Amino acid sequence: MAKTTLKSLARELNLSVSTVSKALNDSYEISEVTKEKVKALAEKLNYKPNVLAQFLKTGRTRTIGVVIPKMTSPFESQIIEGIQQAAIEKNYRTVVISSLEDEKMERLALESMVDKSVDAILFCPLNESSNTDLIGEIIKYTPLVIFDRTNYPVDTHKIGVLNAEGTYNACMHLFNSGRDKVAIFCGADLGLTPDRISGYTKAHEDKAIPLNNDYYAYCSLKSIGELHRELEENVTRLLALPIPPNAILAISDTITTHLLGVLAQMEIAVPDEIAVIGFANTELALSLNPSLSTIRQPARDIGHISFKKAYEIINTKYKNQIEWQDIKLPTTIQLRKSTKG
């Protein structure tokens, strides 16, 4: 079977090669009706664009780079799904590299994206100061969008969630259910930690509940073994306090899900001895024992919007006229048995 080309598509549709090319590239010059006809035939005949030829002609690879700290939790996986789905709709490929929560690896990942001549980079930084010098250079030539950990000093589109609102609402649920001694478990050097702590702080202020400095716990996310050790150490420390907490709020997916397992290993009854709620997008929350109360983030929407904004930058002629947006999506709380004892 002969390979489908732009010329063969154009001949079949009685259109010019230029029109077919523009339709496949979603050009504003082509009507939606024509775009649909061209794309439908291209899909039917299994048309595959010549990436090298496109690059030589347009300077674009139709590839989006994604640099993300880790890909081990459902939250990150769902973001990547959202990015890929949006990219497929625009005939783009995605290249994803994990920085493994390490600043040197993050730098190598960013440099690799530049070497691959990606059309844009979707970047979730480790924290607010990681590799800012390199990003300052990259953004001069390559469109960049920040997602999830948006407290990052660069002018561009940023897509995340209302972090403070999420922790505030979770605290209020705990307070209203009679649990007013809430410990907070945070990721060490995690870029979104300050925002999420601010919601925790405001909830205490609004309920006139004094903050207890002993109730703050920080854990490394670089390895599961280290995380488990630090979770157990912090739980042991907290329960040995003269006034121990009766609830724990965890501010990252990884901490939340692993905390429940660590408490089970330590034979600490949840929620009888201590309630647990935290950020988590796991589909297994209902199947855990006890089922896990969660602060859920619209991860696929974050991914989809991040790609959409990158695509807009790529296709904007005068980039100095773009008005950058800091988009914050709402979280939702799903209450289950881990806080309903």
C-alpha atoms as a PDB file:
ATOM      1  CA  MET A   1       0.000   0.000   0.000  1.00  0.00           C
ATOM      2  CA  ALA A   2       1.420   3.409  -1.011  1.00  0.00           C
ATOM      3  CA  LYS A   3       2.333   5.809   1.748  1.00  0.00           C
ATOM      4  CA  THR A   4      -0.166   8.635   2.254  1.00  0.00           C
ATOM      5  CA  THR A   5       1.375  12.064   1.611  1.00  0.00           C
ATOM      6  CA  LEU A   6       0.191  15.653   1.612  1.00  0.00           C
ATOM      7  CA  LYS A   7       0.033  15.461  -2.174  1.00  0.00           C
ATOM      8  CA  SER A   8      -2.164  12.354  -2.168  1.00  0.00           C
ATOM      9  CA  LEU A   9      -4.491  13.900   0.424  1.00  0.00           C
ATOM     10  CA  ALA A  10      -4.715  17.082  -1.628  1.00  0.00           C
ATOM     11  CA  ARG A  11      -5.452  15.125  -4.812  1.00  0.00           C
ATOM     12  CA  GLU A  12      -8.156  13.075  -3.103  1.00  0.00           C
ATOM     13  CA  LEU A  13      -9.848  16.192  -1.703  1.00  0.00           C
ATOM     14  CA  ASN A  14      -9.278  18.358  -4.757  1.00  0.00           C
ATOM     15  CA  LEU A  15      -7.458  20.918  -2.632  1.00  0.00           C
ATOM     16  CA  SER A  16      -4.022  22.486  -2.821  1.00  0.00           C
ATOM     17  CA  VAL A  17      -1.155  20.965  -0.846  1.00  0.00           C
ATOM     18  CA  SER A  18      -0.847  24.262   1.006  1.00  0.00           C
ATOM     19  CA  THR A  19      -4.490  24.160   2.097  1.00  0.00           C
ATOM     20  CA  VAL A  20      -4.174  20.572   3.325  1.00  0.00           C
ATOM     21  CA  SER A  21      -1.004  21.412   5.244  1.00  0.00           C
ATOM     22  CA  LYS A  22      -2.607  24.442   6.890  1.00  0.00           C
ATOM     23  CA  ALA A  23      -5.729  22.444   7.774  1.00  0.00           C
ATOM     24  CA  LEU A  24      -3.662  19.738   9.468  1.00  0.00           C
ATOM     25  CA  ASN A  25      -1.792  22.429  11.385  1.00  0.00           C
ATOM     26  CA  ASP A  26      -5.071  24.011  12.556  1.00  0.00           C
ATOM     27  CA  SER A  27      -4.400  27.303  10.772  1.00  0.00           C
ATOM     28  CA  TYR A  28      -6.858  30.137  11.344  1.00  0.00           C
ATOM     29  CA  GLU A  29      -6.825  30.701   7.573  1.00  0.00           C
ATOM     30  CA  ILE A  30      -8.769  27.475   6.943  1.00  0.00           C
ATOM     31  CA  SER A  31     -12.473  27.014   7.686  1.00  0.00           C
ATOM     32  CA  GLU A  32     -13.568  24.492  10.301  1.00  0.00           C
ATOM     33  CA  VAL A  33     -15.495  22.533   7.667  1.00  0.00           C
ATOM     34  CA  THR A  34     -12.372  22.097   5.531  1.00  0.00           C
ATOM     35  CA  LYS A  35     -10.256  21.212   8.567  1.00  0.00           C
ATOM     36  CA  GLU A  36     -12.698  18.472   9.535  1.00  0.00           C
ATOM     37  CA  LYS A  37     -12.701  17.017   6.005  1.00  0.00           C
ATOM     38  CA  VAL A  38      -8.915  17.009   5.795  1.00  0.00           C
ATOM     39  CA  LYS A  39      -8.402  15.541   9.256  1.00  0.00           C
ATOM     40  CA  ALA A  40     -11.034  12.853   8.699  1.00  0.00           C
ATOM     41  CA  LEU A  41      -9.367  11.679   5.481  1.00  0.00           C
ATOM     42  CA  ALA A  42      -5.899  11.887   7.046  1.00  0.00           C
ATOM     43  CA  GLU A  43      -7.064   9.618   9.868  1.00  0.00           C
ATOM     44  CA  LYS A  44      -8.814   7.235   7.473  1.00  0.00           C
ATOM     45  CA  LEU A  45      -5.691   6.878   5.301  1.00  0.00           C
ATOM     46  CA  ASN A  46      -3.355   6.749   8.335  1.00  0.00           C
ATOM     47  CA  TYR A  47      -1.422   9.836   7.261  1.00  0.00           C
ATOM     48  CA  LYS A  48       1.816  10.395   9.210  1.00  0.00           C
ATOM     49  CA  PRO A  49       3.521  13.776   8.853  1.00  0.00           C
ATOM     50  CA  ASN A  50       7.196  13.957   7.934  1.00  0.00           C
ATOM     51  CA  VAL A  51       8.564  15.539  11.111  1.00  0.00           C
ATOM     52  CA  LEU A  52      11.977  16.338   9.632  1.00  0.00           C
ATOM     53  CA  ALA A  53      10.446  18.001   6.591  1.00  0.00           C
ATOM     54  CA  GLN A  54       8.120  20.025   8.825  1.00  0.00           C
ATOM     55  CA  PHE A  55      11.019  21.139  10.981  1.00  0.00           C
ATOM     56  CA  LEU A  56      13.112  22.205   7.993  1.00  0.00           C
ATOM     57  CA  LYS A  57      10.190  24.166   6.554  1.00  0.00           C
ATOM     58  CA  THR A  58       8.677  25.734   9.677  1.00  0.00           C
ATOM     59  CA  GLY A  59      11.322  25.409  12.386  1.00  0.00           C
ATOM     60  CA  ARG A  60       8.830  23.424  14.471  1.00  0.00           C
ATOM     61  CA  THR A  61       8.954  19.806  15.587  1.00  0.00           C
ATOM     62  CA  ARG A  62       5.306  19.577  16.725  1.00  0.00           C
ATOM     63  CA  THR A  63       6.685  18.225  19.980  1.00  0.00           C
ATOM     64  CA  ILE A  64       5.944  19.452  23.502  1.00  0.00           C
ATOM     65  CA  GLY A  65       8.394  18.770  26.308  1.00  0.00           C
ATOM     66  CA  VAL A  66       7.160  18.045  29.842  1.00  0.00           C
ATOM     67  CA  VAL A  67       9.507  18.252  32.830  1.00  0.00           C
ATOM     68  CA  ILE A  68       7.880  16.964  36.025  1.00  0.00           C
ATOM     69  CA  PRO A  69       9.419  16.143  39.434  1.00  0.00           C
ATOM     70  CA  LYS A  70       8.080  12.587  39.568  1.00  0.00           C
ATOM     71  CA  MET A  71       5.635  10.240  37.875  1.00  0.00           C
ATOM     72  CA  THR A  72       4.935   7.849  40.729  1.00  0.00           C
ATOM     73  CA  SER A  73       1.546   9.068  41.935  1.00  0.00           C
ATOM     74  CA  PRO A  74      -1.860   9.151  40.234  1.00  0.00           C
ATOM     75  CA  PHE A  75      -1.806  12.955  40.357  1.00  0.00           C
ATOM     76  CA  GLU A  76       1.204  13.249  38.039  1.00  0.00           C
ATOM     77  CA  SER A  77      -0.084  10.464  35.794  1.00  0.00           C
ATOM     78  CA  GLN A  78      -3.417  12.245  35.412  1.00  0.00           C
ATOM     79  CA  ILE A  79      -1.698  15.529  34.536  1.00  0.00           C
ATOM     80  CA  ILE A  80       0.321  13.773  31.836  1.00  0.00           C
ATOM     81  CA  GLU A  81      -2.882  12.156  30.512  1.00  0.00           C
ATOM     82  CA  GLY A  82      -4.457  15.605  30.230  1.00  0.00           C
ATOM     83  CA  ILE A  83      -1.423  16.966  28.388  1.00  0.00           C
ATOM     84  CA  GLN A  84      -1.253  14.038  25.989  1.00  0.00           C
ATOM     85  CA  GLN A  85      -4.958  14.131  25.182  1.00  0.00           C
ATOM     86  CA  ALA A  86      -4.799  17.850  24.408  1.00  0.00           C
ATOM     87  CA  ALA A  87      -1.628  17.336  22.361  1.00  0.00           C
ATOM     88  CA  ILE A  88      -3.180  14.545  20.284  1.00  0.00           C
ATOM     89  CA  GLU A  89      -6.092  16.823  19.430  1.00  0.00           C
ATOM     90  CA  LYS A  90      -3.604  19.284  17.892  1.00  0.00           C
ATOM     91  CA  ASN A  91      -1.445  16.599  16.255  1.00  0.00           C
ATOM     92  CA  TYR A  92       1.425  17.129  18.720  1.00  0.00           C
ATOM     93  CA  ARG A  93       3.752  14.607  20.320  1.00  0.00           C
ATOM     94  CA  THR A  94       4.840  14.770  23.952  1.00  0.00           C
ATOM     95  CA  VAL A  95       8.226  14.005  25.488  1.00  0.00           C
ATOM     96  CA  VAL A  96       8.136  13.555  29.274  1.00  0.00           C
ATOM     97  CA  ILE A  97      11.177  13.552  31.570  1.00  0.00           C
ATOM     98  CA  SER A  98      11.103  13.212  35.364  1.00  0.00           C
ATOM     99  CA  SER A  99      13.544  15.295  37.375  1.00  0.00           C
ATOM    100  CA  LEU A 100      13.283  12.762  40.236  1.00  0.00           C
ATOM    101  CA  GLU A 101      12.883  15.603  42.779  1.00  0.00           C
ATOM    102  CA  ASP A 102      16.541  16.498  42.174  1.00  0.00           C
ATOM    103  CA  GLU A 103      17.740  19.925  41.015  1.00  0.00           C
ATOM    104  CA  LYS A 104      20.667  18.593  38.967  1.00  0.00           C
ATOM    105  CA  MET A 105      18.399  16.115  37.207  1.00  0.00           C
ATOM    106  CA  GLU A 106      15.915  18.913  36.586  1.00  0.00           C
ATOM    107  CA  ARG A 107      18.643  20.950  34.876  1.00  0.00           C
ATOM    108  CA  LEU A 108      19.619  18.005  32.681  1.00  0.00           C
ATOM    109  CA  ALA A 109      15.960  17.442  31.762  1.00  0.00           C
ATOM    110  CA  LEU A 110      15.498  21.069  30.734  1.00  0.00           C
ATOM    111  CA  GLU A 111      18.709  21.047  28.706  1.00  0.00           C
ATOM    112  CA  SER A 112      17.585  17.835  27.019  1.00  0.00           C
ATOM    113  CA  MET A 113      14.317  19.485  25.961  1.00  0.00           C
ATOM    114  CA  VAL A 114      16.251  22.355  24.404  1.00  0.00           C
ATOM    115  CA  ASP A 115      18.508  19.869  22.586  1.00  0.00           C
ATOM    116  CA  LYS A 116      15.391  18.151  21.198  1.00  0.00           C
ATOM    117  CA  SER A 117      14.157  21.489  19.779  1.00  0.00           C
ATOM    118  CA  VAL A 118      10.726  21.062  21.361  1.00  0.00           C
ATOM    119  CA  ASP A 119       8.212  23.744  20.393  1.00  0.00           C
ATOM    120  CA  ALA A 120       7.408  24.491  24.058  1.00  0.00           C
ATOM    121  CA  ILE A 121       8.144  23.220  27.552  1.00  0.00           C
ATOM    122  CA  LEU A 122       5.570  22.493  30.249  1.00  0.00           C
ATOM    123  CA  PHE A 123       7.510  22.765  33.490  1.00  0.00           C
ATOM    124  CA  CYS A 124       6.708  21.795  37.072  1.00  0.00           C
ATOM    125  CA  PRO A 125       9.662  23.113  39.113  1.00  0.00           C
ATOM    126  CA  LEU A 126      10.980  21.491  42.277  1.00  0.00           C
ATOM    127  CA  ASN A 127      10.619  24.741  44.186  1.00  0.00           C
ATOM    128  CA  GLU A 128      10.569  28.500  43.685  1.00  0.00           C
ATOM    129  CA  SER A 129      14.333  28.827  43.197  1.00  0.00           C
ATOM    130  CA  SER A 130      15.340  25.703  41.263  1.00  0.00           C
ATOM    131  CA  ASN A 131      17.229  26.410  38.020  1.00  0.00           C
ATOM    132  CA  THR A 132      15.869  29.942  37.656  1.00  0.00           C
ATOM    133  CA  ASP A 133      19.024  31.010  35.799  1.00  0.00           C
ATOM    134  CA  LEU A 134      18.555  28.352  33.123  1.00  0.00           C
ATOM    135  CA  ILE A 135      14.820  29.032  32.783  1.00  0.00           C
ATOM    136  CA  GLY A 136      15.617  32.723  32.340  1.00  0.00           C
ATOM    137  CA  GLU A 137      17.659  31.813  29.259  1.00  0.00           C
ATOM    138  CA  ILE A 138      15.308  29.164  27.880  1.00  0.00           C
ATOM    139  CA  ILE A 139      12.231  31.380  27.974  1.00  0.00           C
ATOM    140  CA  LYS A 140      13.911  33.898  25.655  1.00  0.00           C
ATOM    141  CA  TYR A 141      13.663  31.402  22.789  1.00  0.00           C
ATOM    142  CA  THR A 142      11.258  28.619  23.808  1.00  0.00           C
ATOM    143  CA  PRO A 143       7.647  29.066  25.006  1.00  0.00           C
ATOM    144  CA  LEU A 144       7.264  27.891  28.591  1.00  0.00           C
ATOM    145  CA  VAL A 145       4.270  27.199  30.833  1.00  0.00           C
ATOM    146  CA  ILE A 146       4.506  26.497  34.574  1.00  0.00           C
ATOM    147  CA  PHE A 147       2.081  23.995  36.082  1.00  0.00           C
ATOM    148  CA  ASP A 148       1.226  22.651  39.557  1.00  0.00           C
ATOM    149  CA  ARG A 149       4.031  24.255  41.595  1.00  0.00           C
ATOM    150  CA  THR A 150       3.377  27.762  40.340  1.00  0.00           C
ATOM    151  CA  ASN A 151       5.283  29.857  42.899  1.00  0.00           C
ATOM    152  CA  TYR A 152       8.079  30.425  40.424  1.00  0.00           C
ATOM    153  CA  PRO A 153       9.620  33.796  39.461  1.00  0.00           C
ATOM    154  CA  VAL A 154       9.066  33.860  35.697  1.00  0.00           C
ATOM    155  CA  ASP A 155       6.557  35.756  33.567  1.00  0.00           C
ATOM    156  CA  THR A 156       4.434  33.221  31.715  1.00  0.00           C
ATOM    157  CA  HIS A 157       1.157  31.320  31.989  1.00  0.00           C
ATOM    158  CA  LYS A 158       0.837  29.366  35.244  1.00  0.00           C
ATOM    159  CA  ILE A 159      -1.763  26.665  35.938  1.00  0.00           C
ATOM    160  CA  GLY A 160      -2.330  25.227  39.386  1.00  0.00           C
ATOM    161  CA  VAL A 161      -4.968  24.876  42.087  1.00  0.00           C
ATOM    162  CA  LEU A 162      -6.254  26.918  45.001  1.00  0.00           C
ATOM    163  CA  ASN A 163      -3.835  25.270  47.417  1.00  0.00           C
ATOM    164  CA  ALA A 164      -4.660  27.389  50.456  1.00  0.00           C
ATOM    165  CA  GLU A 165      -8.385  26.822  49.930  1.00  0.00           C
ATOM    166  CA  GLY A 166      -7.834  23.056  49.887  1.00  0.00           C
ATOM    167  CA  THR A 167      -6.020  22.904  53.223  1.00  0.00           C
ATOM    168  CA  TYR A 168      -8.358  25.503  54.748  1.00  0.00           C
ATOM    169  CA  ASN A 169     -11.465  23.456  53.907  1.00  0.00           C
ATOM    170  CA  ALA A 170      -9.854  20.244  55.147  1.00  0.00           C
ATOM    171  CA  CYS A 171      -8.959  21.875  58.461  1.00  0.00           C
ATOM    172  CA  MET A 172     -12.462  23.246  58.843  1.00  0.00           C
ATOM    173  CA  HIS A 173     -13.896  19.767  58.325  1.00  0.00           C
ATOM    174  CA  LEU A 174     -11.618  18.419  61.063  1.00  0.00           C
ATOM    175  CA  PHE A 175     -12.406  21.276  63.441  1.00  0.00           C
ATOM    176  CA  ASN A 176     -16.155  20.948  62.880  1.00  0.00           C
ATOM    177  CA  SER A 177     -15.957  17.226  63.607  1.00  0.00           C
ATOM    178  CA  GLY A 178     -14.336  17.908  66.996  1.00  0.00           C
ATOM    179  CA  ARG A 179     -10.686  17.441  66.031  1.00  0.00           C
ATOM    180  CA  ASP A 180      -8.945  20.691  66.927  1.00  0.00           C
ATOM    181  CA  LYS A 181      -5.382  19.394  67.353  1.00  0.00           C
ATOM    182  CA  VAL A 182      -4.247  19.010  63.746  1.00  0.00           C
ATOM    183  CA  ALA A 183      -0.697  18.183  62.718  1.00  0.00           C
ATOM    184  CA  ILE A 184       0.433  19.047  59.188  1.00  0.00           C
ATOM    185  CA  PHE A 185       2.803  16.844  57.192  1.00  0.00           C
ATOM    186  CA  CYS A 186       4.715  18.699  54.479  1.00  0.00           C
ATOM    187  CA  GLY A 187       7.187  17.856  51.750  1.00  0.00           C
ATOM    188  CA  ALA A 188      10.667  19.237  52.394  1.00  0.00           C
ATOM    189  CA  ASP A 189      11.657  21.781  49.697  1.00  0.00           C
ATOM    190  CA  LEU A 190       8.303  21.352  47.948  1.00  0.00           C
ATOM    191  CA  GLY A 191       7.374  24.449  45.946  1.00  0.00           C
ATOM    192  CA  LEU A 192       3.697  24.426  46.928  1.00  0.00           C
ATOM    193  CA  THR A 193       4.273  23.956  50.678  1.00  0.00           C
ATOM    194  CA  PRO A 194       3.988  27.672  51.675  1.00  0.00           C
ATOM    195  CA  ASP A 195       0.583  28.101  49.992  1.00  0.00           C
ATOM    196  CA  ARG A 196      -0.827  24.971  51.570  1.00  0.00           C
ATOM    197  CA  ILE A 197       0.502  25.911  55.007  1.00  0.00           C
ATOM    198  CA  SER A 198      -1.149  29.339  54.643  1.00  0.00           C
ATOM    199  CA  GLY A 199      -4.579  27.692  54.374  1.00  0.00           C
ATOM    200  CA  TYR A 200      -3.816  25.643  57.491  1.00  0.00           C
ATOM    201  CA  THR A 201      -2.777  28.820  59.323  1.00  0.00           C
ATOM    202  CA  LYS A 202      -5.852  30.812  58.287  1.00  0.00           C
ATOM    203  CA  ALA A 203      -8.214  28.039  59.383  1.00  0.00           C
ATOM    204  CA  HIS A 204      -6.673  28.127  62.866  1.00  0.00           C
ATOM    205  CA  GLU A 205      -6.950  31.917  62.948  1.00  0.00           C
ATOM    206  CA  ASP A 206     -10.599  31.905  61.857  1.00  0.00           C
ATOM    207  CA  LYS A 207     -11.480  29.335  64.531  1.00  0.00           C
ATOM    208  CA  ALA A 208      -9.281  31.049  67.145  1.00  0.00           C
ATOM    209  CA  ILE A 209      -7.350  27.824  67.669  1.00  0.00           C
ATOM    210  CA  PRO A 210      -3.708  28.436  68.659  1.00  0.00           C
ATOM    211  CA  LEU A 211      -1.047  27.096  66.307  1.00  0.00           C
ATOM    212  CA  ASN A 212       1.350  24.565  67.810  1.00  0.00           C
ATOM    213  CA  ASN A 213       4.845  24.689  66.306  1.00  0.00           C
ATOM    214  CA  ASP A 214       5.396  21.066  67.353  1.00  0.00           C
ATOM    215  CA  TYR A 215       2.633  19.974  64.970  1.00  0.00           C
ATOM    216  CA  TYR A 216       4.656  20.731  61.811  1.00  0.00           C
ATOM    217  CA  ALA A 217       6.377  17.739  60.211  1.00  0.00           C
ATOM    218  CA  TYR A 218       8.599  17.765  57.112  1.00  0.00           C
ATOM    219  CA  CYS A 219       9.459  14.685  55.072  1.00  0.00           C
ATOM    220  CA  SER A 220      11.740  14.001  52.124  1.00  0.00           C
ATOM    221  CA  LEU A 221      10.088  12.851  48.894  1.00  0.00           C
ATOM    222  CA  LYS A 222      13.276  11.693  47.179  1.00  0.00           C
ATOM    223  CA  SER A 223      12.772   8.012  47.990  1.00  0.00           C
ATOM    224  CA  ILE A 224       9.945   5.904  49.405  1.00  0.00           C
ATOM    225  CA  GLY A 225      12.282   4.278  51.941  1.00  0.00           C
ATOM    226  CA  GLU A 226      13.374   7.638  53.308  1.00  0.00           C
ATOM    227  CA  LEU A 227       9.790   8.892  53.308  1.00  0.00           C
ATOM    228  CA  HIS A 228       8.552   5.887  55.323  1.00  0.00           C
ATOM    229  CA  ARG A 229      11.345   6.305  57.873  1.00  0.00           C
ATOM    230  CA  GLU A 230      10.634  10.012  58.335  1.00  0.00           C
ATOM    231  CA  LEU A 231       6.870   9.472  58.512  1.00  0.00           C
ATOM    232  CA  GLU A 232       7.324   6.919  61.302  1.00  0.00           C
ATOM    233  CA  GLU A 233       9.770   9.169  63.159  1.00  0.00           C
ATOM    234  CA  ASN A 234       7.423  12.135  62.966  1.00  0.00           C
ATOM    235  CA  VAL A 235       4.351  10.136  64.049  1.00  0.00           C
ATOM    236  CA  THR A 236       6.313   8.738  67.013  1.00  0.00           C
ATOM    237  CA  ARG A 237       7.445  12.255  67.975  1.00  0.00           C
ATOM    238  CA  LEU A 238       3.959  13.720  67.703  1.00  0.00           C
ATOM    239  CA  LEU A 239       2.251  11.025  69.750  1.00  0.00           C
ATOM    240  CA  ALA A 240       4.857  11.455  72.509  1.00  0.00           C
ATOM    241  CA  LEU A 241       3.968  15.149  72.954  1.00  0.00           C
ATOM    242  CA  PRO A 242       2.209  16.217  76.190  1.00  0.00           C
ATOM    243  CA  ILE A 243      -0.761  17.182  73.984  1.00  0.00           C
ATOM    244  CA  PRO A 244      -0.610  14.911  70.916  1.00  0.00           C
ATOM    245  CA  PRO A 245      -2.582  15.711  67.759  1.00  0.00           C
ATOM    246  CA  ASN A 246      -5.860  13.935  67.051  1.00  0.00           C
ATOM    247  CA  ALA A 247      -5.696  14.501  63.285  1.00  0.00           C
ATOM    248  CA  ILE A 248      -3.126  14.768  60.498  1.00  0.00           C
ATOM    249  CA  LEU A 249      -3.405  16.859  57.347  1.00  0.00           C
ATOM    250  CA  ALA A 250      -0.961  15.803  54.594  1.00  0.00           C
ATOM    251  CA  ILE A 251      -0.171  18.222  51.800  1.00  0.00           C
ATOM    252  CA  SER A 252       1.032  15.938  49.001  1.00  0.00           C
ATOM    253  CA  ASP A 253      -0.344  12.833  47.297  1.00  0.00           C
ATOM    254  CA  THR A 254       2.706  10.757  48.119  1.00  0.00           C
ATOM    255  CA  ILE A 255       2.686  11.662  51.807  1.00  0.00           C
ATOM    256  CA  THR A 256      -1.067  11.143  52.190  1.00  0.00           C
ATOM    257  CA  THR A 257      -1.241   7.631  50.748  1.00  0.00           C
ATOM    258  CA  HIS A 258       1.948   6.356  52.378  1.00  0.00           C
ATOM    259  CA  LEU A 259       1.025   7.856  55.751  1.00  0.00           C
ATOM    260  CA  LEU A 260      -2.036   5.618  56.001  1.00  0.00           C
ATOM    261  CA  GLY A 261       0.152   2.556  55.432  1.00  0.00           C
ATOM    262  CA  VAL A 262       2.750   3.661  57.983  1.00  0.00           C
ATOM    263  CA  LEU A 263       0.065   4.214  60.629  1.00  0.00           C
ATOM    264  CA  ALA A 264      -1.258   0.699  59.963  1.00  0.00           C
ATOM    265  CA  GLN A 265       2.241  -0.764  60.391  1.00  0.00           C
ATOM    266  CA  MET A 266       2.560   1.131  63.685  1.00  0.00           C
ATOM    267  CA  GLU A 267      -0.831  -0.311  64.764  1.00  0.00           C
ATOM    268  CA  ILE A 268      -2.314   3.156  65.223  1.00  0.00           C
ATOM    269  CA  ALA A 269      -6.069   3.063  64.667  1.00  0.00           C
ATOM    270  CA  VAL A 270      -7.429   5.487  62.065  1.00  0.00           C
ATOM    271  CA  PRO A 271      -9.613   7.434  62.758  1.00  0.00           C
ATOM    272  CA  ASP A 272     -10.125   6.315  66.380  1.00  0.00           C
ATOM    273  CA  GLU A 273      -6.692   7.435  67.570  1.00  0.00           C
ATOM    274  CA  ILE A 274      -5.896   9.886  64.821  1.00  0.00           C
ATOM    275  CA  ALA A 275      -7.823  11.062  61.743  1.00  0.00           C
ATOM    276  CA  VAL A 276      -6.130  11.449  58.347  1.00  0.00           C
ATOM    277  CA  ILE A 277      -6.953  13.670  55.383  1.00  0.00           C
ATOM    278  CA  GLY A 278      -4.760  15.015  52.623  1.00  0.00           C
ATOM    279  CA  PHE A 279      -4.164  15.789  48.985  1.00  0.00           C
ATOM    280  CA  ALA A 280      -4.565  12.570  46.994  1.00  0.00           C
ATOM    281  CA  ASN A 281      -5.885  11.713  43.547  1.00  0.00           C
ATOM    282  CA  THR A 282      -5.661   7.950  43.926  1.00  0.00           C
ATOM    283  CA  GLU A 283      -8.593   6.019  42.486  1.00  0.00           C
ATOM    284  CA  LEU A 284      -8.096   3.502  45.317  1.00  0.00           C
ATOM    285  CA  ALA A 285      -9.027   5.898  48.146  1.00  0.00           C
ATOM    286  CA  LEU A 286     -12.360   4.134  48.639  1.00  0.00           C
ATOM    287  CA  SER A 287     -10.679   0.709  48.720  1.00  0.00           C
ATOM    288  CA  LEU A 288      -8.101   1.533  51.409  1.00  0.00           C
ATOM    289  CA  ASN A 289      -8.673   0.483  54.991  1.00  0.00           C
ATOM    290  CA  PRO A 290     -10.057   2.714  56.263  1.00  0.00           C
ATOM    291  CA  SER A 291     -11.212   4.531  53.134  1.00  0.00           C
ATOM    292  CA  LEU A 292      -9.238   7.755  52.774  1.00  0.00           C
ATOM    293  CA  SER A 293     -10.646  11.280  53.012  1.00  0.00           C
ATOM    294  CA  THR A 294      -8.969  13.312  50.286  1.00  0.00           C
ATOM    295  CA  ILE A 295      -8.453  16.769  48.846  1.00  0.00           C
ATOM    296  CA  ARG A 296      -8.731  16.073  45.145  1.00  0.00           C
ATOM    297  CA  GLN A 297      -7.154  18.200  42.413  1.00  0.00           C
ATOM    298  CA  PRO A 298      -8.448  18.472  38.813  1.00  0.00           C
ATOM    299  CA  ALA A 299      -5.209  16.994  37.474  1.00  0.00           C
ATOM    300  CA  ARG A 300      -6.345  16.241  33.907  1.00  0.00           C
ATOM    301  CA  ASP A 301      -7.684  19.797  33.595  1.00  0.00           C
ATOM    302  CA  ILE A 302      -4.309  21.153  34.755  1.00  0.00           C
ATOM    303  CA  GLY A 303      -2.608  19.138  32.013  1.00  0.00           C
ATOM    304  CA  HIS A 304      -5.127  20.055  29.330  1.00  0.00           C
ATOM    305  CA  ILE A 305      -5.032  23.790  30.072  1.00  0.00           C
ATOM    306  CA  SER A 306      -1.220  23.776  30.326  1.00  0.00           C
ATOM    307  CA  PHE A 307      -0.927  22.380  26.802  1.00  0.00           C
ATOM    308  CA  LYS A 308      -3.607  24.762  25.518  1.00  0.00           C
ATOM    309  CA  LYS A 309      -1.711  27.776  26.855  1.00  0.00           C
ATOM    310  CA  ALA A 310       1.579  26.539  25.399  1.00  0.00           C
ATOM    311  CA  TYR A 311      -0.135  26.027  22.050  1.00  0.00           C
ATOM    312  CA  GLU A 312      -1.458  29.590  22.177  1.00  0.00           C
ATOM    313  CA  ILE A 313       2.041  30.961  22.810  1.00  0.00           C
ATOM    314  CA  ILE A 314       3.489  28.913  19.941  1.00  0.00           C
ATOM    315  CA  ASN A 315       0.894  30.302  17.539  1.00  0.00           C
ATOM    316  CA  THR A 316       0.975  33.927  18.704  1.00  0.00           C
ATOM    317  CA  LYS A 317       2.995  36.110  16.349  1.00  0.00           C
ATOM    318  CA  TYR A 318       3.682  38.993  18.747  1.00  0.00           C
ATOM    319  CA  LYS A 319       4.556  37.282  22.005  1.00  0.00           C
ATOM    320  CA  ASN A 320       5.319  40.549  23.795  1.00  0.00           C
ATOM    321  CA  GLN A 321       1.597  41.329  23.601  1.00  0.00           C
ATOM    322  CA  ILE A 322       0.497  38.210  25.486  1.00  0.00           C
ATOM    323  CA  GLU A 323      -1.211  38.859  28.821  1.00  0.00           C
ATOM    324  CA  TRP A 324       0.067  36.127  31.139  1.00  0.00           C
ATOM    325  CA  GLN A 325      -2.521  34.295  33.227  1.00  0.00           C
ATOM    326  CA  ASP A 326      -2.158  32.749  36.667  1.00  0.00           C
ATOM    327  CA  ILE A 327      -4.956  30.184  36.550  1.00  0.00           C
ATOM    328  CA  LYS A 328      -6.015  28.554  39.814  1.00  0.00           C
ATOM    329  CA  LEU A 329      -8.547  25.721  39.708  1.00  0.00           C
ATOM    330  CA  PRO A 330     -10.657  24.727  42.747  1.00  0.00           C
ATOM    331  CA  THR A 331     -10.071  21.523  44.692  1.00  0.00           C
ATOM    332  CA  THR A 332     -12.788  19.266  46.059  1.00  0.00           C
ATOM    333  CA  ILE A 333     -12.952  17.366  49.338  1.00  0.00           C
ATOM    334  CA  GLN A 334     -14.169  13.775  49.402  1.00  0.00           C
ATOM    335  CA  LEU A 335     -14.946  12.659  52.944  1.00  0.00           C
ATOM    336  CA  ARG A 336     -14.526   9.001  53.883  1.00  0.00           C
ATOM    337  CA  LYS A 337     -13.921   6.844  56.972  1.00  0.00           C
ATOM    338  CA  SER A 338     -10.394   8.098  57.783  1.00  0.00           C
ATOM    339  CA  THR A 339     -11.948  11.276  59.243  1.00  0.00           C
ATOM    340  CA  LYS A 340     -15.449  10.101  60.075  1.00  0.00           C
ATOM    341  CA  GLY A 341     -14.862   8.083  63.187  1.00  0.00           C
END
